[in-house]
């Protein structure tokens, strides 16, 4: 597979999403929810990032980059027209 920025973006968003979900599960939920008005922001942001990462990676695999084939050159292509 060729270099595709969609896989890089998907991988980075996936890593950040996993970190946020793990952070949400490990940290004290009462302290975090008190700061954010009763919403577990780390969990929802992490799940959102994981969802977007799945979309990017799926997009890269379902629609791969198509490289056009180079035309075959002959000697007549290099001779000047007179």
N, C-alpha and C. Protein backbone atom coordinates (compact mmCIF):
# COMPACT_ATOMS: atom_id res chain seq x y z
N UNK A 1 0.84 -1.17 0.00
CA UNK A 1 0.00 0.00 0.00
C UNK A 1 0.89 1.24 0.00
N UNK A 2 0.50 2.21 -0.79
CA UNK A 2 1.26 3.45 -0.88
C UNK A 2 1.05 4.31 0.36
N UNK A 3 1.90 5.29 0.51
CA UNK A 3 1.75 6.25 1.60
C UNK A 3 0.42 6.98 1.44
N UNK A 4 -0.35 6.99 2.50
CA UNK A 4 -1.65 7.65 2.45
C UNK A 4 -1.85 8.40 3.77
N UNK A 5 -2.10 9.68 3.69
CA UNK A 5 -2.23 10.50 4.88
C UNK A 5 -3.44 10.08 5.72
N UNK A 6 -4.43 9.46 5.09
CA UNK A 6 -5.61 9.02 5.84
C UNK A 6 -5.27 7.96 6.87
N UNK A 7 -4.32 7.09 6.57
CA UNK A 7 -3.94 6.07 7.56
C UNK A 7 -3.17 6.69 8.72
N UNK A 8 -2.34 7.69 8.42
CA UNK A 8 -1.60 8.37 9.48
C UNK A 8 -2.56 9.11 10.40
N UNK A 9 -3.51 9.85 9.83
CA UNK A 9 -4.48 10.59 10.64
C UNK A 9 -5.32 9.62 11.46
N UNK A 10 -5.76 8.53 10.83
CA UNK A 10 -6.56 7.54 11.55
C UNK A 10 -5.80 6.90 12.70
N UNK A 11 -4.53 6.61 12.47
CA UNK A 11 -3.73 6.00 13.54
C UNK A 11 -3.51 6.96 14.70
N UNK A 12 -3.22 8.22 14.39
CA UNK A 12 -3.02 9.20 15.46
C UNK A 12 -4.30 9.44 16.26
N UNK A 13 -5.42 9.61 15.56
CA UNK A 13 -6.68 9.80 16.27
C UNK A 13 -7.04 8.56 17.09
N UNK A 14 -6.73 7.39 16.57
CA UNK A 14 -7.00 6.16 17.32
C UNK A 14 -6.16 6.07 18.58
N UNK A 15 -4.89 6.44 18.48
CA UNK A 15 -4.02 6.41 19.68
C UNK A 15 -4.50 7.40 20.73
N UNK A 16 -4.82 8.62 20.30
CA UNK A 16 -5.31 9.63 21.25
C UNK A 16 -6.65 9.20 21.84
N UNK A 17 -7.50 8.58 21.04
CA UNK A 17 -8.79 8.11 21.55
C UNK A 17 -8.62 7.04 22.60
N UNK A 18 -7.72 6.10 22.38
CA UNK A 18 -7.46 5.04 23.36
C UNK A 18 -6.92 5.65 24.66
N UNK A 19 -6.01 6.61 24.54
CA UNK A 19 -5.45 7.26 25.73
C UNK A 19 -6.56 7.96 26.52
N UNK A 20 -7.46 8.64 25.84
CA UNK A 20 -8.53 9.35 26.54
C UNK A 20 -9.52 8.38 27.20
N UNK A 21 -9.84 7.29 26.53
CA UNK A 21 -10.75 6.31 27.13
C UNK A 21 -10.12 5.67 28.36
N UNK A 22 -8.85 5.32 28.27
CA UNK A 22 -8.16 4.73 29.43
C UNK A 22 -8.08 5.75 30.56
N UNK A 23 -7.79 7.00 30.22
CA UNK A 23 -7.74 8.06 31.23
C UNK A 23 -9.09 8.21 31.92
N UNK A 24 -10.15 8.13 31.15
CA UNK A 24 -11.49 8.24 31.71
C UNK A 24 -11.79 7.10 32.68
N UNK A 25 -11.32 5.91 32.37
CA UNK A 25 -11.60 4.76 33.22
C UNK A 25 -10.74 4.74 34.48
N UNK A 26 -9.57 5.35 34.43
CA UNK A 26 -8.63 5.30 35.55
C UNK A 26 -8.83 6.45 36.53
N UNK A 27 -9.14 7.64 36.02
CA UNK A 27 -9.24 8.81 36.89
C UNK A 27 -10.52 8.79 37.72
N UNK A 28 -10.53 9.65 38.74
CA UNK A 28 -11.69 9.79 39.62
C UNK A 28 -12.82 10.48 38.86
N UNK A 29 -13.92 9.79 38.61
CA UNK A 29 -14.99 10.37 37.80
C UNK A 29 -15.70 11.55 38.49
N UNK A 30 -15.79 11.53 39.82
CA UNK A 30 -16.50 12.60 40.51
C UNK A 30 -15.77 13.93 40.36
N UNK A 31 -14.45 13.92 40.43
CA UNK A 31 -13.68 15.14 40.30
C UNK A 31 -13.78 15.70 38.87
N UNK A 32 -13.73 14.82 37.88
CA UNK A 32 -13.83 15.27 36.49
C UNK A 32 -15.22 15.78 36.16
N UNK A 33 -16.25 15.08 36.62
CA UNK A 33 -17.62 15.49 36.32
C UNK A 33 -17.98 16.79 37.02
N UNK A 34 -17.36 17.08 38.16
CA UNK A 34 -17.60 18.34 38.85
C UNK A 34 -17.08 19.52 38.03
N UNK A 35 -15.97 19.31 37.31
CA UNK A 35 -15.40 20.36 36.48
C UNK A 35 -16.19 20.59 35.19
N UNK A 36 -16.84 19.54 34.70
CA UNK A 36 -17.46 19.61 33.38
C UNK A 36 -18.98 19.61 33.41
N UNK A 37 -19.57 19.72 34.57
CA UNK A 37 -21.02 19.77 34.65
C UNK A 37 -21.69 18.42 34.54
N UNK A 38 -21.07 17.38 35.03
CA UNK A 38 -21.67 16.06 35.04
C UNK A 38 -21.43 15.21 33.81
N UNK A 39 -20.54 15.63 32.93
CA UNK A 39 -20.26 14.88 31.70
C UNK A 39 -18.83 14.35 31.78
N UNK A 40 -18.65 13.10 31.42
CA UNK A 40 -17.30 12.51 31.37
C UNK A 40 -16.68 12.86 30.02
N UNK A 41 -16.02 14.00 29.97
CA UNK A 41 -15.50 14.54 28.71
C UNK A 41 -14.44 13.63 28.11
N UNK A 42 -13.57 13.08 28.93
CA UNK A 42 -12.52 12.21 28.40
C UNK A 42 -13.10 11.00 27.69
N UNK A 43 -14.14 10.41 28.27
CA UNK A 43 -14.76 9.24 27.65
C UNK A 43 -15.41 9.60 26.32
N UNK A 44 -16.20 10.67 26.29
CA UNK A 44 -16.90 11.03 25.06
C UNK A 44 -15.96 11.53 23.98
N UNK A 45 -14.95 12.28 24.35
CA UNK A 45 -13.97 12.74 23.36
C UNK A 45 -13.17 11.55 22.82
N UNK A 46 -12.81 10.62 23.70
CA UNK A 46 -12.07 9.43 23.26
C UNK A 46 -12.89 8.56 22.33
N UNK A 47 -14.17 8.36 22.66
CA UNK A 47 -15.03 7.56 21.78
C UNK A 47 -15.25 8.26 20.44
N UNK A 48 -15.37 9.58 20.48
CA UNK A 48 -15.50 10.33 19.22
C UNK A 48 -14.27 10.21 18.35
N UNK A 49 -13.11 10.29 18.98
CA UNK A 49 -11.85 10.15 18.22
C UNK A 49 -11.71 8.74 17.66
N UNK A 50 -12.09 7.74 18.42
CA UNK A 50 -12.02 6.37 17.92
C UNK A 50 -12.97 6.18 16.74
N UNK A 51 -14.14 6.79 16.80
CA UNK A 51 -15.09 6.70 15.69
C UNK A 51 -14.55 7.35 14.43
N UNK A 52 -13.96 8.53 14.57
CA UNK A 52 -13.38 9.22 13.41
C UNK A 52 -12.18 8.43 12.87
N UNK A 53 -11.40 7.82 13.75
CA UNK A 53 -10.26 7.01 13.31
C UNK A 53 -10.72 5.82 12.48
N UNK A 54 -11.81 5.18 12.90
CA UNK A 54 -12.35 4.06 12.14
C UNK A 54 -12.82 4.53 10.76
N UNK A 55 -13.43 5.71 10.70
CA UNK A 55 -13.87 6.25 9.41
C UNK A 55 -12.67 6.51 8.49
N UNK A 56 -11.62 7.12 9.01
CA UNK A 56 -10.44 7.42 8.19
C UNK A 56 -9.76 6.15 7.69
N UNK A 57 -9.56 5.18 8.56
CA UNK A 57 -8.88 3.94 8.15
C UNK A 57 -9.77 3.15 7.18
N UNK A 58 -11.07 3.13 7.45
CA UNK A 58 -11.99 2.46 6.53
C UNK A 58 -12.01 3.12 5.17
N UNK A 59 -11.97 4.44 5.16
CA UNK A 59 -11.93 5.19 3.90
C UNK A 59 -10.66 4.86 3.13
N UNK A 60 -9.55 4.76 3.81
CA UNK A 60 -8.27 4.46 3.15
C UNK A 60 -8.28 3.05 2.55
N UNK A 61 -8.92 2.10 3.22
CA UNK A 61 -8.93 0.74 2.70
C UNK A 61 -10.01 0.52 1.64
N UNK A 62 -11.13 1.21 1.76
CA UNK A 62 -12.20 1.04 0.78
C UNK A 62 -11.94 1.80 -0.51
N UNK A 63 -11.24 2.93 -0.42
CA UNK A 63 -10.90 3.73 -1.59
C UNK A 63 -9.40 3.97 -1.64
N UNK A 64 -8.61 2.95 -1.97
CA UNK A 64 -7.14 3.13 -1.99
C UNK A 64 -6.71 4.09 -3.10
N UNK A 65 -5.51 4.59 -2.95
CA UNK A 65 -4.94 5.51 -3.92
C UNK A 65 -4.67 4.74 -5.21
N UNK A 66 -5.13 5.29 -6.32
CA UNK A 66 -4.91 4.68 -7.62
C UNK A 66 -3.83 5.47 -8.36
N UNK A 67 -2.74 4.83 -8.66
CA UNK A 67 -1.65 5.48 -9.39
C UNK A 67 -1.83 5.18 -10.87
N UNK A 68 -1.95 6.22 -11.69
CA UNK A 68 -2.13 5.96 -13.12
C UNK A 68 -0.85 5.38 -13.72
N UNK A 69 -1.04 4.47 -14.65
CA UNK A 69 0.13 3.86 -15.30
C UNK A 69 0.72 4.85 -16.30
N UNK A 70 2.05 4.86 -16.36
CA UNK A 70 2.75 5.74 -17.30
C UNK A 70 2.59 5.19 -18.71
N UNK A 71 2.41 6.08 -19.68
CA UNK A 71 2.29 5.58 -21.06
C UNK A 71 3.63 5.02 -21.54
N UNK A 72 3.56 4.02 -22.37
CA UNK A 72 4.78 3.41 -22.90
C UNK A 72 5.36 4.32 -23.97
N UNK A 73 6.61 4.71 -23.80
CA UNK A 73 7.26 5.63 -24.74
C UNK A 73 8.02 4.84 -25.80
N UNK A 74 7.98 5.36 -27.00
CA UNK A 74 8.71 4.73 -28.12
C UNK A 74 9.73 5.73 -28.65
N UNK A 75 10.54 5.30 -29.58
CA UNK A 75 11.56 6.16 -30.17
C UNK A 75 10.95 7.33 -30.91
N UNK A 76 9.76 7.12 -31.49
CA UNK A 76 9.11 8.19 -32.24
C UNK A 76 8.68 9.34 -31.34
N UNK A 77 8.53 9.08 -30.06
CA UNK A 77 8.16 10.15 -29.13
C UNK A 77 9.30 11.13 -28.91
N UNK A 78 10.53 10.71 -29.17
CA UNK A 78 11.69 11.55 -28.92
C UNK A 78 12.25 12.18 -30.19
N UNK A 79 11.76 11.85 -31.35
CA UNK A 79 12.26 12.43 -32.60
C UNK A 79 11.44 13.67 -32.94
N UNK A 80 12.11 14.74 -33.33
CA UNK A 80 11.38 15.98 -33.67
C UNK A 80 10.59 15.81 -34.97
N UNK A 81 9.45 16.46 -35.02
CA UNK A 81 8.65 16.45 -36.25
C UNK A 81 9.22 17.46 -37.23
N UNK A 82 9.44 17.04 -38.48
CA UNK A 82 10.00 17.96 -39.48
C UNK A 82 9.08 18.15 -40.63
